[in-house]
């Protein structure tokens, strides 16, 4: 085995270990951000949050609490042109995407 093949193998092993050690919230955040948006997806004026309440997911303004409900978190994220930036006690935080 040559030096180049050894380095490629070492790099692959390192990437796999790093991916397996990431917290599940970060993997889910990557999955949510990779979802394709609907053509008619809205762009919020500021930060929004996704909250599970009363059996549905709410995309709501953190200041006013006004929002819209969706059956799944994936559906809610696809309906808004946002990037998920974090999670805090089950609430997903999002920022408008820059266009």
C-alpha atoms as a PDB file:
ATOM      1  CA  UNK A   1       0.000   0.000   0.000  1.00  0.00           C
ATOM      2  CA  UNK A   2       1.382   3.367  -0.974  1.00  0.00           C
ATOM      3  CA  UNK A   3       1.460   6.489   1.178  1.00  0.00           C
ATOM      4  CA  UNK A   4      -1.383   8.143  -0.772  1.00  0.00           C
ATOM      5  CA  UNK A   5      -3.669   5.114  -0.329  1.00  0.00           C
ATOM      6  CA  UNK A   6      -2.826   5.013   3.372  1.00  0.00           C
ATOM      7  CA  UNK A   7      -3.745   8.704   3.793  1.00  0.00           C
ATOM      8  CA  UNK A   8      -7.019   8.244   1.882  1.00  0.00           C
ATOM      9  CA  UNK A   9      -7.911   5.290   4.113  1.00  0.00           C
ATOM     10  CA  UNK A  10      -7.020   7.208   7.268  1.00  0.00           C
ATOM     11  CA  UNK A  11      -9.083  10.206   6.144  1.00  0.00           C
ATOM     12  CA  UNK A  12     -12.100   7.981   5.425  1.00  0.00           C
ATOM     13  CA  UNK A  13     -11.876   6.332   8.854  1.00  0.00           C
ATOM     14  CA  UNK A  14     -11.588   9.740  10.532  1.00  0.00           C
ATOM     15  CA  UNK A  15     -14.685  11.073   8.696  1.00  0.00           C
ATOM     16  CA  UNK A  16     -16.695   7.990   9.657  1.00  0.00           C
ATOM     17  CA  UNK A  17     -15.697   8.287  13.318  1.00  0.00           C
ATOM     18  CA  UNK A  18     -16.523  12.005  13.369  1.00  0.00           C
ATOM     19  CA  UNK A  19     -19.949  11.352  11.826  1.00  0.00           C
ATOM     20  CA  UNK A  20     -20.791   8.579  14.294  1.00  0.00           C
ATOM     21  CA  UNK A  21     -19.818  10.732  17.285  1.00  0.00           C
ATOM     22  CA  UNK A  22     -22.017  13.694  16.368  1.00  0.00           C
ATOM     23  CA  UNK A  23     -25.004  14.244  18.597  1.00  0.00           C
ATOM     24  CA  UNK A  24     -28.341  13.108  17.092  1.00  0.00           C
ATOM     25  CA  UNK A  25     -29.685  16.693  17.172  1.00  0.00           C
ATOM     26  CA  UNK A  26     -26.976  17.816  14.758  1.00  0.00           C
ATOM     27  CA  UNK A  27     -27.636  14.935  12.381  1.00  0.00           C
ATOM     28  CA  UNK A  28     -31.358  15.777  12.402  1.00  0.00           C
ATOM     29  CA  UNK A  29     -30.539  19.459  11.869  1.00  0.00           C
ATOM     30  CA  UNK A  30     -28.450  18.534   8.808  1.00  0.00           C
ATOM     31  CA  UNK A  31     -31.315  16.380   7.480  1.00  0.00           C
ATOM     32  CA  UNK A  32     -33.864  19.170   7.978  1.00  0.00           C
ATOM     33  CA  UNK A  33     -31.650  21.754   6.277  1.00  0.00           C
ATOM     34  CA  UNK A  34     -31.138  19.394   3.317  1.00  0.00           C
ATOM     35  CA  UNK A  35     -34.884  19.097   2.645  1.00  0.00           C
ATOM     36  CA  UNK A  36     -36.039  20.685  -0.618  1.00  0.00           C
ATOM     37  CA  UNK A  37     -38.313  23.687  -0.139  1.00  0.00           C
ATOM     38  CA  UNK A  38     -41.700  24.003  -1.805  1.00  0.00           C
ATOM     39  CA  UNK A  39     -41.916  26.469  -4.688  1.00  0.00           C
ATOM     40  CA  UNK A  40     -44.395  28.573  -2.718  1.00  0.00           C
ATOM     41  CA  UNK A  41     -42.439  28.424   0.567  1.00  0.00           C
ATOM     42  CA  UNK A  42     -42.653  31.627   2.579  1.00  0.00           C
ATOM     43  CA  UNK A  43     -39.761  33.704   3.867  1.00  0.00           C
ATOM     44  CA  UNK A  44     -40.216  34.974   7.441  1.00  0.00           C
ATOM     45  CA  UNK A  45     -39.290  38.549   8.389  1.00  0.00           C
ATOM     46  CA  UNK A  46     -37.052  37.353  11.210  1.00  0.00           C
ATOM     47  CA  UNK A  47     -36.128  34.295  13.272  1.00  0.00           C
ATOM     48  CA  UNK A  48     -38.814  31.662  13.803  1.00  0.00           C
ATOM     49  CA  UNK A  49     -39.050  28.523  15.877  1.00  0.00           C
ATOM     50  CA  UNK A  50     -40.672  25.149  15.383  1.00  0.00           C
ATOM     51  CA  UNK A  51     -42.520  23.922  18.475  1.00  0.00           C
ATOM     52  CA  UNK A  52     -44.397  20.654  19.117  1.00  0.00           C
ATOM     53  CA  UNK A  53     -47.649  21.526  20.852  1.00  0.00           C
ATOM     54  CA  UNK A  54     -51.150  20.020  20.962  1.00  0.00           C
ATOM     55  CA  UNK A  55     -50.230  17.198  18.564  1.00  0.00           C
ATOM     56  CA  UNK A  56     -48.885  19.363  15.743  1.00  0.00           C
ATOM     57  CA  UNK A  57     -45.749  21.323  14.870  1.00  0.00           C
ATOM     58  CA  UNK A  58     -46.027  25.101  14.972  1.00  0.00           C
ATOM     59  CA  UNK A  59     -43.843  27.470  12.950  1.00  0.00           C
ATOM     60  CA  UNK A  60     -44.101  30.535  15.129  1.00  0.00           C
ATOM     61  CA  UNK A  61     -42.595  33.906  15.863  1.00  0.00           C
ATOM     62  CA  UNK A  62     -40.634  33.710  19.140  1.00  0.00           C
ATOM     63  CA  UNK A  63     -41.673  37.270  20.048  1.00  0.00           C
ATOM     64  CA  UNK A  64     -45.422  37.198  19.415  1.00  0.00           C
ATOM     65  CA  UNK A  65     -46.215  33.473  19.434  1.00  0.00           C
ATOM     66  CA  UNK A  66     -48.175  33.851  16.183  1.00  0.00           C
ATOM     67  CA  UNK A  67     -47.726  30.887  13.875  1.00  0.00           C
ATOM     68  CA  UNK A  68     -49.022  28.198  11.570  1.00  0.00           C
ATOM     69  CA  UNK A  69     -49.446  24.501  12.337  1.00  0.00           C
ATOM     70  CA  UNK A  70     -48.213  21.511  10.327  1.00  0.00           C
ATOM     71  CA  UNK A  71     -48.609  17.742  10.766  1.00  0.00           C
ATOM     72  CA  UNK A  72     -44.843  17.028  10.781  1.00  0.00           C
ATOM     73  CA  UNK A  73     -41.643  18.911  11.461  1.00  0.00           C
ATOM     74  CA  UNK A  74     -40.377  18.079   7.964  1.00  0.00           C
ATOM     75  CA  UNK A  75     -43.509  19.578   6.403  1.00  0.00           C
ATOM     76  CA  UNK A  76     -43.127  22.729   8.499  1.00  0.00           C
ATOM     77  CA  UNK A  77     -39.480  23.180   7.507  1.00  0.00           C
ATOM     78  CA  UNK A  78     -40.243  22.623   3.808  1.00  0.00           C
ATOM     79  CA  UNK A  79     -42.963  25.324   3.918  1.00  0.00           C
ATOM     80  CA  UNK A  80     -40.527  28.038   5.053  1.00  0.00           C
ATOM     81  CA  UNK A  81     -37.301  29.313   3.479  1.00  0.00           C
ATOM     82  CA  UNK A  82     -35.290  28.987   6.665  1.00  0.00           C
ATOM     83  CA  UNK A  83     -32.095  27.383   7.914  1.00  0.00           C
ATOM     84  CA  UNK A  84     -32.316  25.467  11.178  1.00  0.00           C
ATOM     85  CA  UNK A  85     -29.614  26.894  13.442  1.00  0.00           C
ATOM     86  CA  UNK A  86     -30.142  25.019  16.694  1.00  0.00           C
ATOM     87  CA  UNK A  87     -32.359  23.223  19.144  1.00  0.00           C
ATOM     88  CA  UNK A  88     -33.247  24.128  22.714  1.00  0.00           C
ATOM     89  CA  UNK A  89     -35.352  21.754  24.824  1.00  0.00           C
ATOM     90  CA  UNK A  90     -37.164  20.349  21.767  1.00  0.00           C
ATOM     91  CA  UNK A  91     -37.721  23.735  20.123  1.00  0.00           C
ATOM     92  CA  UNK A  92     -36.001  24.087  16.763  1.00  0.00           C
ATOM     93  CA  UNK A  93     -34.609  27.557  16.043  1.00  0.00           C
ATOM     94  CA  UNK A  94     -34.423  28.890  12.491  1.00  0.00           C
ATOM     95  CA  UNK A  95     -33.209  31.948  10.589  1.00  0.00           C
ATOM     96  CA  UNK A  96     -34.480  33.204   7.206  1.00  0.00           C
ATOM     97  CA  UNK A  97     -32.343  32.029   4.300  1.00  0.00           C
ATOM     98  CA  UNK A  98     -30.270  34.657   2.591  1.00  0.00           C
ATOM     99  CA  UNK A  99     -31.214  35.034  -1.061  1.00  0.00           C
END
